Amino acid sequence: MTLIYMFLAAVLGLGLDAQAWPASGPEHDERGWKLYTNARFGFSVRYPDDWRLGNPLPDGIGVTLYPPIEHSLVALSGHMNVVTGSSQDGRQTLKEFADAHRRIITDLYGKKNIRLTWGQDQERLLGGLPGKQLTFTYKDDKHIEMIEHHIFSLGRNEGRGIRIKVPAAAQKDLMPIINRLVETFEPGRDQNAVSPIVPK
């Protein structure tokens, strides 16, 4: 099993269903938000004080946050970039990582007989570093229309990622808050690990 597969399995396999919480209002003030910092990878993010902090993901790679809207989550994680690719260091590039990510996600959901509809990939900064955002929709096992956004950056040695899962019906209310959360994301240490890499 490749490292990217293990990373995705850990992020996708945990916390798929949050318990029901009362709906939150659209107004949030970041000054009162809590801070999460990952001890292993050093990244940090601020999140609303009415969100629930879940258990750590395996091997300390990150954590899942639960907004007060049922079936929604935001998973934050780091991962190693040790897969062979076409970069100047012989490791995978951001495009290669995105292509592998899409294939693995499609395969994982396909095994559950869930059909995905992929949106257009977008270039997006994560913590000020070049990244990508992949978006797809599907109906879950309760026939709820879901939208997922996977945002990630990749460096020579490490990468960072955010998985956002929201019911389509809550997207309009929840995504402005999540976008503000993403803007607070800091990648952590400067270790030549989250610098962009390019093909040879």
N, C-alpha and C. Protein backbone atom coordinates (compact mmCIF):
# COMPACT_ATOMS: atom_id res chain seq x y z
N MET A 1 0.85 -1.18 0.00
CA MET A 1 0.00 0.00 0.00
C MET A 1 0.90 1.24 0.00
N THR A 2 0.70 2.14 -0.96
CA THR A 2 1.54 3.32 -1.05
C THR A 2 1.23 4.29 0.08
N LEU A 3 2.18 5.21 0.33
CA LEU A 3 1.99 6.19 1.39
C LEU A 3 0.82 7.11 1.11
N ILE A 4 0.62 7.51 -0.16
CA ILE A 4 -0.52 8.37 -0.47
C ILE A 4 -1.82 7.64 -0.16
N TYR A 5 -1.87 6.32 -0.46
CA TYR A 5 -3.07 5.55 -0.17
C TYR A 5 -3.32 5.48 1.33
N MET A 6 -2.26 5.26 2.11
CA MET A 6 -2.42 5.19 3.57
C MET A 6 -2.88 6.54 4.12
N PHE A 7 -2.31 7.63 3.59
CA PHE A 7 -2.70 8.98 4.00
C PHE A 7 -4.18 9.19 3.73
N LEU A 8 -4.62 8.86 2.51
CA LEU A 8 -6.02 9.07 2.15
C LEU A 8 -6.94 8.15 2.95
N ALA A 9 -6.53 6.91 3.14
CA ALA A 9 -7.36 5.97 3.90
C ALA A 9 -7.55 6.48 5.33
N ALA A 10 -6.50 7.04 5.91
CA ALA A 10 -6.61 7.56 7.28
C ALA A 10 -7.55 8.75 7.33
N VAL A 11 -7.40 9.67 6.38
CA VAL A 11 -8.23 10.87 6.40
C VAL A 11 -9.67 10.56 6.03
N LEU A 12 -9.86 9.67 5.04
CA LEU A 12 -11.22 9.36 4.59
C LEU A 12 -11.93 8.37 5.49
N GLY A 13 -11.17 7.50 6.13
CA GLY A 13 -11.79 6.42 6.88
C GLY A 13 -12.27 6.78 8.26
N LEU A 14 -11.86 7.93 8.77
CA LEU A 14 -12.22 8.29 10.13
C LEU A 14 -13.22 9.43 10.15
N GLY A 15 -14.10 9.38 11.09
CA GLY A 15 -14.99 10.50 11.34
C GLY A 15 -15.89 10.84 10.18
N LEU A 16 -16.39 9.86 9.46
CA LEU A 16 -17.23 10.18 8.32
C LEU A 16 -18.57 10.74 8.73
N ASP A 17 -19.05 10.42 9.90
CA ASP A 17 -20.34 10.94 10.33
C ASP A 17 -20.21 11.64 11.66
N ALA A 18 -20.42 12.95 11.64
CA ALA A 18 -20.44 13.72 12.87
C ALA A 18 -21.83 13.60 13.49
N GLN A 19 -21.90 13.74 14.81
CA GLN A 19 -23.20 13.71 15.44
C GLN A 19 -23.95 15.00 15.15
N ALA A 20 -25.26 14.99 15.33
CA ALA A 20 -26.07 16.17 15.05
C ALA A 20 -25.76 17.28 16.06
N TRP A 21 -25.61 18.50 15.52
CA TRP A 21 -25.38 19.67 16.35
C TRP A 21 -26.37 20.73 15.91
N PRO A 22 -26.70 21.69 16.75
CA PRO A 22 -27.58 22.75 16.30
C PRO A 22 -26.90 23.56 15.19
N ALA A 23 -27.69 24.09 14.28
CA ALA A 23 -27.13 24.87 13.17
C ALA A 23 -26.47 26.13 13.69
N SER A 24 -25.33 26.50 13.07
CA SER A 24 -24.65 27.71 13.48
C SER A 24 -25.05 28.86 12.58
N GLY A 25 -24.95 30.07 13.09
CA GLY A 25 -25.25 31.24 12.29
C GLY A 25 -24.10 31.55 11.37
N PRO A 26 -24.32 32.40 10.36
CA PRO A 26 -23.29 32.71 9.39
C PRO A 26 -22.21 33.64 9.92
N GLU A 27 -22.44 34.30 11.05
CA GLU A 27 -21.48 35.28 11.55
C GLU A 27 -20.51 34.63 12.53
N HIS A 28 -19.23 34.77 12.27
CA HIS A 28 -18.19 34.28 13.18
C HIS A 28 -17.10 35.32 13.25
N ASP A 29 -16.51 35.51 14.40
CA ASP A 29 -15.43 36.46 14.60
C ASP A 29 -14.16 35.66 14.89
N GLU A 30 -13.20 35.72 13.95
CA GLU A 30 -11.98 34.91 14.08
C GLU A 30 -11.19 35.21 15.35
N ARG A 31 -11.40 36.39 15.94
CA ARG A 31 -10.63 36.74 17.14
C ARG A 31 -10.93 35.80 18.30
N GLY A 32 -12.12 35.22 18.34
CA GLY A 32 -12.48 34.30 19.41
C GLY A 32 -12.27 32.84 19.06
N TRP A 33 -11.66 32.57 17.90
CA TRP A 33 -11.50 31.19 17.46
C TRP A 33 -10.38 30.49 18.22
N LYS A 34 -10.51 29.18 18.32
CA LYS A 34 -9.48 28.36 18.97
C LYS A 34 -8.36 28.07 17.98
N LEU A 35 -7.20 27.68 18.52
CA LEU A 35 -6.03 27.37 17.69
C LEU A 35 -5.69 25.89 17.81
N TYR A 36 -5.53 25.23 16.66
CA TYR A 36 -5.01 23.86 16.63
C TYR A 36 -3.63 23.91 15.98
N THR A 37 -2.65 23.28 16.63
CA THR A 37 -1.31 23.15 16.06
C THR A 37 -0.93 21.68 16.05
N ASN A 38 -0.44 21.21 14.92
CA ASN A 38 -0.04 19.82 14.78
C ASN A 38 1.41 19.65 15.22
N ALA A 39 1.63 18.79 16.22
CA ALA A 39 2.97 18.62 16.78
C ALA A 39 3.93 17.95 15.80
N ARG A 40 3.44 17.04 14.96
CA ARG A 40 4.33 16.30 14.06
C ARG A 40 4.77 17.14 12.87
N PHE A 41 3.83 17.83 12.22
CA PHE A 41 4.15 18.55 10.99
C PHE A 41 4.24 20.07 11.19
N GLY A 42 3.81 20.57 12.33
CA GLY A 42 3.99 21.97 12.65
C GLY A 42 2.95 22.93 12.11
N PHE A 43 1.99 22.44 11.31
CA PHE A 43 1.00 23.36 10.76
C PHE A 43 -0.02 23.75 11.83
N SER A 44 -0.69 24.87 11.61
CA SER A 44 -1.71 25.32 12.57
C SER A 44 -2.86 25.96 11.82
N VAL A 45 -4.01 26.02 12.49
CA VAL A 45 -5.21 26.64 11.92
C VAL A 45 -6.09 27.12 13.06
N ARG A 46 -6.84 28.17 12.81
CA ARG A 46 -7.83 28.64 13.77
C ARG A 46 -9.20 28.14 13.33
N TYR A 47 -10.04 27.78 14.33
CA TYR A 47 -11.37 27.25 14.02
C TYR A 47 -12.38 27.80 15.01
N PRO A 48 -13.66 27.92 14.60
CA PRO A 48 -14.68 28.50 15.48
C PRO A 48 -14.82 27.75 16.79
N ASP A 49 -15.13 28.50 17.84
CA ASP A 49 -15.18 27.88 19.18
C ASP A 49 -16.37 26.95 19.36
N ASP A 50 -17.35 26.97 18.44
CA ASP A 50 -18.47 26.03 18.57
C ASP A 50 -18.27 24.77 17.72
N TRP A 51 -17.08 24.62 17.14
CA TRP A 51 -16.77 23.39 16.42
C TRP A 51 -16.14 22.40 17.39
N ARG A 52 -16.39 21.10 17.13
CA ARG A 52 -15.82 20.05 17.99
C ARG A 52 -14.50 19.55 17.41
N LEU A 53 -13.48 19.48 18.26
CA LEU A 53 -12.19 18.92 17.88
C LEU A 53 -12.25 17.41 18.06
N GLY A 54 -12.02 16.66 16.99
CA GLY A 54 -12.07 15.21 17.06
C GLY A 54 -10.77 14.61 17.56
N ASN A 55 -10.70 13.30 17.54
CA ASN A 55 -9.49 12.60 17.95
C ASN A 55 -8.39 12.78 16.91
N PRO A 56 -7.12 12.70 17.32
CA PRO A 56 -6.03 12.79 16.35
C PRO A 56 -6.13 11.69 15.30
N LEU A 57 -5.70 12.00 14.07
CA LEU A 57 -5.62 10.99 13.02
C LEU A 57 -4.41 10.08 13.30
N PRO A 58 -4.36 8.89 12.70
CA PRO A 58 -3.27 7.95 12.98
C PRO A 58 -1.89 8.56 12.78
N ASP A 59 -0.96 8.15 13.61
CA ASP A 59 0.45 8.57 13.53
C ASP A 59 0.64 10.08 13.67
N GLY A 60 -0.33 10.74 14.28
CA GLY A 60 -0.19 12.18 14.53
C GLY A 60 -0.20 13.03 13.28
N ILE A 61 -0.78 12.54 12.17
CA ILE A 61 -0.73 13.31 10.92
C ILE A 61 -1.68 14.50 10.92
N GLY A 62 -2.67 14.52 11.82
CA GLY A 62 -3.61 15.64 11.81
C GLY A 62 -4.80 15.38 12.71
N VAL A 63 -5.90 16.05 12.38
CA VAL A 63 -7.10 15.99 13.22
C VAL A 63 -8.32 16.30 12.36
N THR A 64 -9.49 15.86 12.83
CA THR A 64 -10.75 16.20 12.17
C THR A 64 -11.52 17.17 13.05
N LEU A 65 -12.02 18.24 12.43
CA LEU A 65 -12.87 19.23 13.09
C LEU A 65 -14.30 19.02 12.62
N TYR A 66 -15.25 19.18 13.54
CA TYR A 66 -16.65 18.97 13.20
C TYR A 66 -17.44 20.27 13.38
N PRO A 67 -17.86 20.89 12.28
CA PRO A 67 -18.75 22.05 12.39
C PRO A 67 -20.09 21.62 12.99
N PRO A 68 -20.86 22.59 13.50
CA PRO A 68 -22.15 22.25 14.10
C PRO A 68 -23.26 22.04 13.07
N ILE A 69 -22.93 21.38 11.99
CA ILE A 69 -23.91 20.99 10.97
C ILE A 69 -23.70 19.51 10.69
N GLU A 70 -24.74 18.74 10.83
CA GLU A 70 -24.65 17.28 10.70
C GLU A 70 -24.04 16.87 9.36
N HIS A 71 -23.23 15.84 9.38
CA HIS A 71 -22.57 15.23 8.22
C HIS A 71 -21.44 16.08 7.63
N SER A 72 -21.01 17.13 8.32
CA SER A 72 -19.93 17.96 7.79
C SER A 72 -18.66 17.74 8.61
N LEU A 73 -17.52 17.97 7.98
CA LEU A 73 -16.24 17.88 8.68
C LEU A 73 -15.16 18.61 7.90
N VAL A 74 -14.10 18.95 8.61
CA VAL A 74 -12.89 19.51 8.02
C VAL A 74 -11.72 18.73 8.62
N ALA A 75 -11.01 17.95 7.79
CA ALA A 75 -9.87 17.16 8.26
C ALA A 75 -8.58 17.85 7.81
N LEU A 76 -7.68 18.05 8.76
CA LEU A 76 -6.39 18.71 8.50
C LEU A 76 -5.29 17.67 8.65
N SER A 77 -4.34 17.64 7.70
CA SER A 77 -3.31 16.61 7.81
C SER A 77 -2.03 17.01 7.10
N GLY A 78 -0.96 16.36 7.51
CA GLY A 78 0.32 16.44 6.83
C GLY A 78 0.68 15.06 6.32
N HIS A 79 1.61 14.99 5.40
CA HIS A 79 2.03 13.70 4.88
C HIS A 79 3.44 13.82 4.30
N MET A 80 4.10 12.70 4.14
CA MET A 80 5.44 12.67 3.57
C MET A 80 5.36 12.56 2.05
N ASN A 81 6.32 13.15 1.37
CA ASN A 81 6.42 13.01 -0.08
C ASN A 81 7.63 12.13 -0.38
N VAL A 82 7.41 10.83 -0.40
CA VAL A 82 8.51 9.88 -0.66
C VAL A 82 8.22 9.02 -1.88
N VAL A 83 7.13 9.31 -2.60
CA VAL A 83 6.77 8.52 -3.77
C VAL A 83 7.60 8.98 -4.96
N THR A 84 8.09 8.04 -5.73
CA THR A 84 8.90 8.36 -6.91
C THR A 84 8.07 9.14 -7.92
N GLY A 85 8.66 10.22 -8.44
CA GLY A 85 7.98 11.04 -9.43
C GLY A 85 8.97 11.70 -10.36
N SER A 86 8.53 12.73 -11.05
CA SER A 86 9.35 13.35 -12.09
C SER A 86 9.93 14.69 -11.67
N SER A 87 9.95 15.00 -10.37
CA SER A 87 10.54 16.27 -9.93
C SER A 87 12.05 16.21 -10.02
N GLN A 88 12.69 17.36 -9.83
CA GLN A 88 14.16 17.42 -9.88
C GLN A 88 14.78 16.55 -8.79
N ASP A 89 14.04 16.24 -7.73
CA ASP A 89 14.53 15.38 -6.65
C ASP A 89 14.08 13.93 -6.80
N GLY A 90 13.39 13.64 -7.90
CA GLY A 90 12.93 12.27 -8.13
C GLY A 90 11.70 11.91 -7.33
N ARG A 91 11.01 12.92 -6.77
CA ARG A 91 9.78 12.68 -6.01
C ARG A 91 8.60 13.24 -6.79
N GLN A 92 7.39 12.88 -6.38
CA GLN A 92 6.24 13.30 -7.16
C GLN A 92 5.99 14.80 -7.08
N THR A 93 5.49 15.35 -8.18
CA THR A 93 5.13 16.76 -8.25
C THR A 93 3.70 16.94 -7.76
N LEU A 94 3.29 18.20 -7.64
CA LEU A 94 1.92 18.49 -7.23
C LEU A 94 0.92 17.90 -8.21
N LYS A 95 1.19 17.99 -9.50
CA LYS A 95 0.27 17.42 -10.50
C LYS A 95 0.20 15.90 -10.36
N GLU A 96 1.34 15.25 -10.17
CA GLU A 96 1.34 13.79 -10.01
C GLU A 96 0.58 13.40 -8.74
N PHE A 97 0.77 14.17 -7.66
CA PHE A 97 0.04 13.89 -6.43
C PHE A 97 -1.46 14.06 -6.64
N ALA A 98 -1.87 15.14 -7.33
CA ALA A 98 -3.29 15.38 -7.59
C ALA A 98 -3.89 14.26 -8.44
N ASP A 99 -3.17 13.82 -9.48
CA ASP A 99 -3.68 12.74 -10.33
C ASP A 99 -3.84 11.45 -9.53
N ALA A 100 -2.84 11.13 -8.69
CA ALA A 100 -2.93 9.93 -7.86
C ALA A 100 -4.07 10.05 -6.85
N HIS A 101 -4.21 11.23 -6.26
CA HIS A 101 -5.27 11.49 -5.28
C HIS A 101 -6.64 11.21 -5.92
N ARG A 102 -6.85 11.74 -7.13
CA ARG A 102 -8.13 11.56 -7.81
C ARG A 102 -8.40 10.08 -8.09
N ARG A 103 -7.36 9.36 -8.56
CA ARG A 103 -7.54 7.93 -8.85
C ARG A 103 -7.90 7.15 -7.58
N ILE A 104 -7.19 7.44 -6.49
CA ILE A 104 -7.41 6.70 -5.24
C ILE A 104 -8.79 7.01 -4.67
N ILE A 105 -9.18 8.28 -4.68
CA ILE A 105 -10.51 8.65 -4.18
C ILE A 105 -11.59 7.95 -4.99
N THR A 106 -11.46 7.98 -6.31
CA THR A 106 -12.44 7.33 -7.18
C THR A 106 -12.53 5.84 -6.86
N ASP A 107 -11.39 5.21 -6.64
CA ASP A 107 -11.36 3.79 -6.33
C ASP A 107 -11.99 3.50 -4.96
N LEU A 108 -11.64 4.30 -3.96
CA LEU A 108 -12.19 4.08 -2.61
C LEU A 108 -13.71 4.21 -2.59
N TYR A 109 -14.22 5.23 -3.24
CA TYR A 109 -15.68 5.41 -3.26
C TYR A 109 -16.34 4.38 -4.17
N GLY A 110 -15.65 4.01 -5.25
CA GLY A 110 -16.19 2.98 -6.14
C GLY A 110 -16.40 1.65 -5.43
N LYS A 111 -15.51 1.32 -4.50
CA LYS A 111 -15.66 0.08 -3.73
C LYS A 111 -16.90 0.11 -2.84
N LYS A 112 -17.40 1.31 -2.55
CA LYS A 112 -18.64 1.45 -1.78
C LYS A 112 -19.83 1.67 -2.70
N ASN A 113 -19.62 1.49 -4.01
CA ASN A 113 -20.65 1.72 -5.02
C ASN A 113 -21.21 3.14 -4.98
N ILE A 114 -20.32 4.10 -4.73
CA ILE A 114 -20.70 5.51 -4.73
C ILE A 114 -20.06 6.16 -5.95
N ARG A 115 -20.90 6.73 -6.82
CA ARG A 115 -20.41 7.37 -8.04
C ARG A 115 -20.09 8.83 -7.76
N LEU A 116 -18.90 9.25 -8.18
CA LEU A 116 -18.46 10.63 -7.97
C LEU A 116 -18.62 11.43 -9.25
N THR A 117 -18.92 12.71 -9.09
CA THR A 117 -18.87 13.66 -10.21
C THR A 117 -17.80 14.68 -9.88
N TRP A 118 -16.74 14.71 -10.69
CA TRP A 118 -15.60 15.58 -10.42
C TRP A 118 -15.82 16.95 -11.03
N GLY A 119 -15.46 18.00 -10.30
CA GLY A 119 -15.46 19.35 -10.81
C GLY A 119 -14.11 19.68 -11.43
N GLN A 120 -13.97 20.92 -11.86
CA GLN A 120 -12.72 21.40 -12.45
C GLN A 120 -11.68 21.60 -11.34
N ASP A 121 -10.46 21.08 -11.54
CA ASP A 121 -9.37 21.34 -10.59
C ASP A 121 -9.06 22.83 -10.58
N GLN A 122 -8.66 23.34 -9.41
CA GLN A 122 -8.32 24.75 -9.28
C GLN A 122 -6.96 24.90 -8.63
N GLU A 123 -6.22 25.89 -9.09
CA GLU A 123 -4.99 26.28 -8.40
C GLU A 123 -5.42 27.06 -7.16
N ARG A 124 -4.82 26.76 -6.01
CA ARG A 124 -5.19 27.45 -4.79
C ARG A 124 -4.02 27.46 -3.83
N LEU A 125 -3.77 28.60 -3.22
CA LEU A 125 -2.72 28.68 -2.21
C LEU A 125 -3.19 28.01 -0.93
N LEU A 126 -2.25 27.36 -0.25
CA LEU A 126 -2.52 26.82 1.08
C LEU A 126 -1.38 27.27 1.98
N GLY A 127 -1.69 28.12 2.92
CA GLY A 127 -0.65 28.68 3.77
C GLY A 127 0.36 29.50 2.99
N GLY A 128 -0.08 30.14 1.91
CA GLY A 128 0.80 30.95 1.09
C GLY A 128 1.63 30.18 0.09
N LEU A 129 1.46 28.86 0.04
CA LEU A 129 2.24 28.01 -0.87
C LEU A 129 1.35 27.49 -2.00
N PRO A 130 1.93 27.26 -3.18
CA PRO A 130 1.14 26.76 -4.31
C PRO A 130 0.46 25.44 -3.96
N GLY A 131 -0.81 25.34 -4.33
CA GLY A 131 -1.55 24.13 -4.06
C GLY A 131 -2.62 23.90 -5.10
N LYS A 132 -3.38 22.85 -4.89
CA LYS A 132 -4.50 22.51 -5.76
C LYS A 132 -5.72 22.24 -4.92
N GLN A 133 -6.89 22.46 -5.55
CA GLN A 133 -8.15 22.10 -4.93
C GLN A 133 -8.90 21.19 -5.88
N LEU A 134 -9.22 19.97 -5.42
CA LEU A 134 -10.05 19.04 -6.17
C LEU A 134 -11.43 19.03 -5.52
N THR A 135 -12.47 19.03 -6.34
CA THR A 135 -13.84 19.07 -5.83
C THR A 135 -14.65 17.97 -6.50
N PHE A 136 -15.47 17.28 -5.71
CA PHE A 136 -16.36 16.28 -6.27
C PHE A 136 -17.65 16.21 -5.46
N THR A 137 -18.70 15.68 -6.08
CA THR A 137 -20.00 15.53 -5.43
C THR A 137 -20.42 14.06 -5.52
N TYR A 138 -21.32 13.68 -4.62
CA TYR A 138 -21.84 12.31 -4.59
C TYR A 138 -23.03 12.26 -3.65
N LYS A 139 -23.74 11.16 -3.66
CA LYS A 139 -24.78 10.91 -2.66
C LYS A 139 -24.25 9.87 -1.70
N ASP A 140 -24.34 10.16 -0.39
CA ASP A 140 -23.82 9.22 0.59
C ASP A 140 -24.80 8.09 0.84
N ASP A 141 -24.49 7.21 1.81
CA ASP A 141 -25.34 6.04 2.05
C ASP A 141 -26.72 6.39 2.59
N LYS A 142 -26.92 7.65 3.00
CA LYS A 142 -28.24 8.11 3.43
C LYS A 142 -28.93 8.92 2.33
N HIS A 143 -28.34 8.88 1.13
CA HIS A 143 -28.85 9.58 -0.06
C HIS A 143 -28.83 11.09 0.10
N ILE A 144 -27.87 11.59 0.89
CA ILE A 144 -27.69 13.03 1.05
C ILE A 144 -26.67 13.48 0.01
N GLU A 145 -27.00 14.54 -0.71
CA GLU A 145 -26.07 15.11 -1.70
C GLU A 145 -24.93 15.78 -0.96
N MET A 146 -23.70 15.32 -1.21
CA MET A 146 -22.52 15.81 -0.51
C MET A 146 -21.55 16.47 -1.48
N ILE A 147 -20.79 17.43 -0.97
CA ILE A 147 -19.73 18.07 -1.73
C ILE A 147 -18.44 17.95 -0.92
N GLU A 148 -17.36 17.56 -1.58
CA GLU A 148 -16.06 17.52 -0.92
C GLU A 148 -15.08 18.38 -1.70
N HIS A 149 -14.26 19.11 -0.94
CA HIS A 149 -13.16 19.90 -1.49
C HIS A 149 -11.89 19.38 -0.82
N HIS A 150 -10.91 18.98 -1.60
CA HIS A 150 -9.62 18.54 -1.08
C HIS A 150 -8.57 19.54 -1.54
N ILE A 151 -7.96 20.23 -0.59
CA ILE A 151 -6.97 21.26 -0.88
C ILE A 151 -5.63 20.76 -0.35
N PHE A 152 -4.57 20.84 -1.15
CA PHE A 152 -3.28 20.38 -0.67
C PHE A 152 -2.13 21.10 -1.36
N SER A 153 -1.01 21.16 -0.63
CA SER A 153 0.25 21.64 -1.17
C SER A 153 1.26 20.50 -1.03
N LEU A 154 2.35 20.58 -1.79
CA LEU A 154 3.33 19.50 -1.76
C LEU A 154 4.72 20.08 -1.92
N GLY A 155 5.64 19.62 -1.08
CA GLY A 155 7.02 20.06 -1.16
C GLY A 155 7.96 18.90 -1.41
N ARG A 156 9.25 19.16 -1.28
CA ARG A 156 10.25 18.12 -1.57
C ARG A 156 10.12 16.92 -0.63
N ASN A 157 9.82 17.19 0.63
CA ASN A 157 9.78 16.11 1.61
C ASN A 157 8.40 15.87 2.20
N GLU A 158 7.59 16.92 2.27
CA GLU A 158 6.30 16.82 2.95
C GLU A 158 5.22 17.56 2.17
N GLY A 159 3.99 17.35 2.60
CA GLY A 159 2.85 18.09 2.07
C GLY A 159 1.85 18.35 3.17
N ARG A 160 0.88 19.20 2.86
CA ARG A 160 -0.19 19.54 3.79
C ARG A 160 -1.51 19.39 3.05
N GLY A 161 -2.57 19.04 3.77
CA GLY A 161 -3.86 18.87 3.11
C GLY A 161 -5.03 19.21 4.01
N ILE A 162 -6.12 19.63 3.37
CA ILE A 162 -7.38 19.90 4.07
C ILE A 162 -8.49 19.21 3.28
N ARG A 163 -9.24 18.35 3.94
CA ARG A 163 -10.42 17.72 3.35
C ARG A 163 -11.65 18.38 3.94
N ILE A 164 -12.51 18.90 3.08
CA ILE A 164 -13.73 19.58 3.50
C ILE A 164 -14.91 18.77 2.97
N LYS A 165 -15.81 18.40 3.86
CA LYS A 165 -17.00 17.63 3.46
C LYS A 165 -18.23 18.33 4.01
N VAL A 166 -19.15 18.71 3.12
CA VAL A 166 -20.37 19.40 3.56
C VAL A 166 -21.57 18.89 2.77
N PRO A 167 -22.73 18.84 3.40
CA PRO A 167 -23.95 18.56 2.64
C PRO A 167 -24.19 19.70 1.65
N ALA A 168 -24.62 19.37 0.44
CA ALA A 168 -24.85 20.41 -0.56
C ALA A 168 -25.82 21.47 -0.05
N ALA A 169 -26.80 21.06 0.74
CA ALA A 169 -27.80 22.00 1.26
C ALA A 169 -27.19 23.02 2.23
N ALA A 170 -26.04 22.68 2.84
CA ALA A 170 -25.40 23.57 3.82
C ALA A 170 -24.22 24.34 3.22
N GLN A 171 -23.90 24.07 1.96
CA GLN A 171 -22.71 24.68 1.35
C GLN A 171 -22.74 26.20 1.42
N LYS A 172 -23.86 26.81 1.10
CA LYS A 172 -23.95 28.28 1.05
C LYS A 172 -23.68 28.89 2.43
N ASP A 173 -24.18 28.27 3.49
CA ASP A 173 -24.00 28.81 4.84
C ASP A 173 -22.63 28.47 5.43
N LEU A 174 -22.13 27.28 5.15
CA LEU A 174 -20.93 26.80 5.83
C LEU A 174 -19.63 27.18 5.13
N MET A 175 -19.62 27.24 3.80
CA MET A 175 -18.36 27.46 3.09
C MET A 175 -17.72 28.82 3.36
N PRO A 176 -18.47 29.91 3.55
CA PRO A 176 -17.78 31.17 3.90
C PRO A 176 -16.97 31.05 5.19
N ILE A 177 -17.50 30.33 6.17
CA ILE A 177 -16.78 30.13 7.44
C ILE A 177 -15.55 29.25 7.20
N ILE A 178 -15.73 28.18 6.42
CA ILE A 178 -14.60 27.27 6.15
C ILE A 178 -13.53 28.00 5.34
N ASN A 179 -13.92 28.83 4.39
CA ASN A 179 -12.93 29.58 3.62
C ASN A 179 -12.12 30.51 4.52
N ARG A 180 -12.77 31.11 5.53
CA ARG A 180 -12.02 31.94 6.48
C ARG A 180 -11.07 31.08 7.31
N LEU A 181 -11.53 29.88 7.68
CA LEU A 181 -10.66 28.95 8.40
C LEU A 181 -9.42 28.63 7.56
N VAL A 182 -9.62 28.31 6.27
CA VAL A 182 -8.49 27.97 5.39
C VAL A 182 -7.52 29.14 5.30
N GLU A 183 -8.02 30.37 5.31
CA GLU A 183 -7.15 31.54 5.25
C GLU A 183 -6.26 31.67 6.49
N THR A 184 -6.65 31.05 7.62
CA THR A 184 -5.82 31.11 8.83
C THR A 184 -4.75 30.02 8.86
N PHE A 185 -4.77 29.11 7.88
CA PHE A 185 -3.85 27.97 7.87
C PHE A 185 -2.41 28.45 7.72
N GLU A 186 -1.54 27.97 8.60
CA GLU A 186 -0.10 28.23 8.53
C GLU A 186 0.61 26.89 8.34
N PRO A 187 1.51 26.77 7.34
CA PRO A 187 2.11 25.47 7.04
C PRO A 187 3.09 24.97 8.08
N GLY A 188 3.58 25.86 8.97
CA GLY A 188 4.50 25.40 10.00
C GLY A 188 5.94 25.70 9.64
N ARG A 189 6.80 24.77 9.97
CA ARG A 189 8.24 25.01 9.88
C ARG A 189 8.71 25.22 8.44
N ASP A 190 9.75 25.99 8.30
CA ASP A 190 10.40 26.17 7.01
C ASP A 190 11.55 25.16 6.96
N GLN A 191 11.33 24.07 6.26
CA GLN A 191 12.29 22.96 6.29
C GLN A 191 12.60 22.45 4.90
N ASN A 192 12.37 23.29 3.90
CA ASN A 192 12.51 22.84 2.52
C ASN A 192 11.54 21.70 2.25
N ALA A 193 10.54 21.60 3.11
CA ALA A 193 9.61 20.48 3.00
C ALA A 193 8.32 20.88 2.33
N VAL A 194 7.98 22.14 2.40
CA VAL A 194 6.74 22.59 1.78
C VAL A 194 7.03 23.59 0.68
N SER A 195 8.28 23.61 0.19
CA SER A 195 8.60 24.46 -0.96
C SER A 195 8.10 23.78 -2.23
N PRO A 196 7.69 24.57 -3.23
CA PRO A 196 7.17 23.94 -4.45
C PRO A 196 8.27 23.17 -5.19
N ILE A 197 7.88 22.09 -5.84
CA ILE A 197 8.81 21.34 -6.67
C ILE A 197 8.28 21.31 -8.08
N VAL A 198 9.17 21.18 -9.03
CA VAL A 198 8.78 21.23 -10.45
C VAL A 198 9.33 19.99 -11.16
N PRO A 199 8.72 19.61 -12.30
CA PRO A 199 9.26 18.47 -13.05
C PRO A 199 10.67 18.74 -13.54
N LYS A 200 11.42 17.69 -13.78
CA LYS A 200 12.78 17.83 -14.31
C LYS A 200 12.74 18.49 -15.68
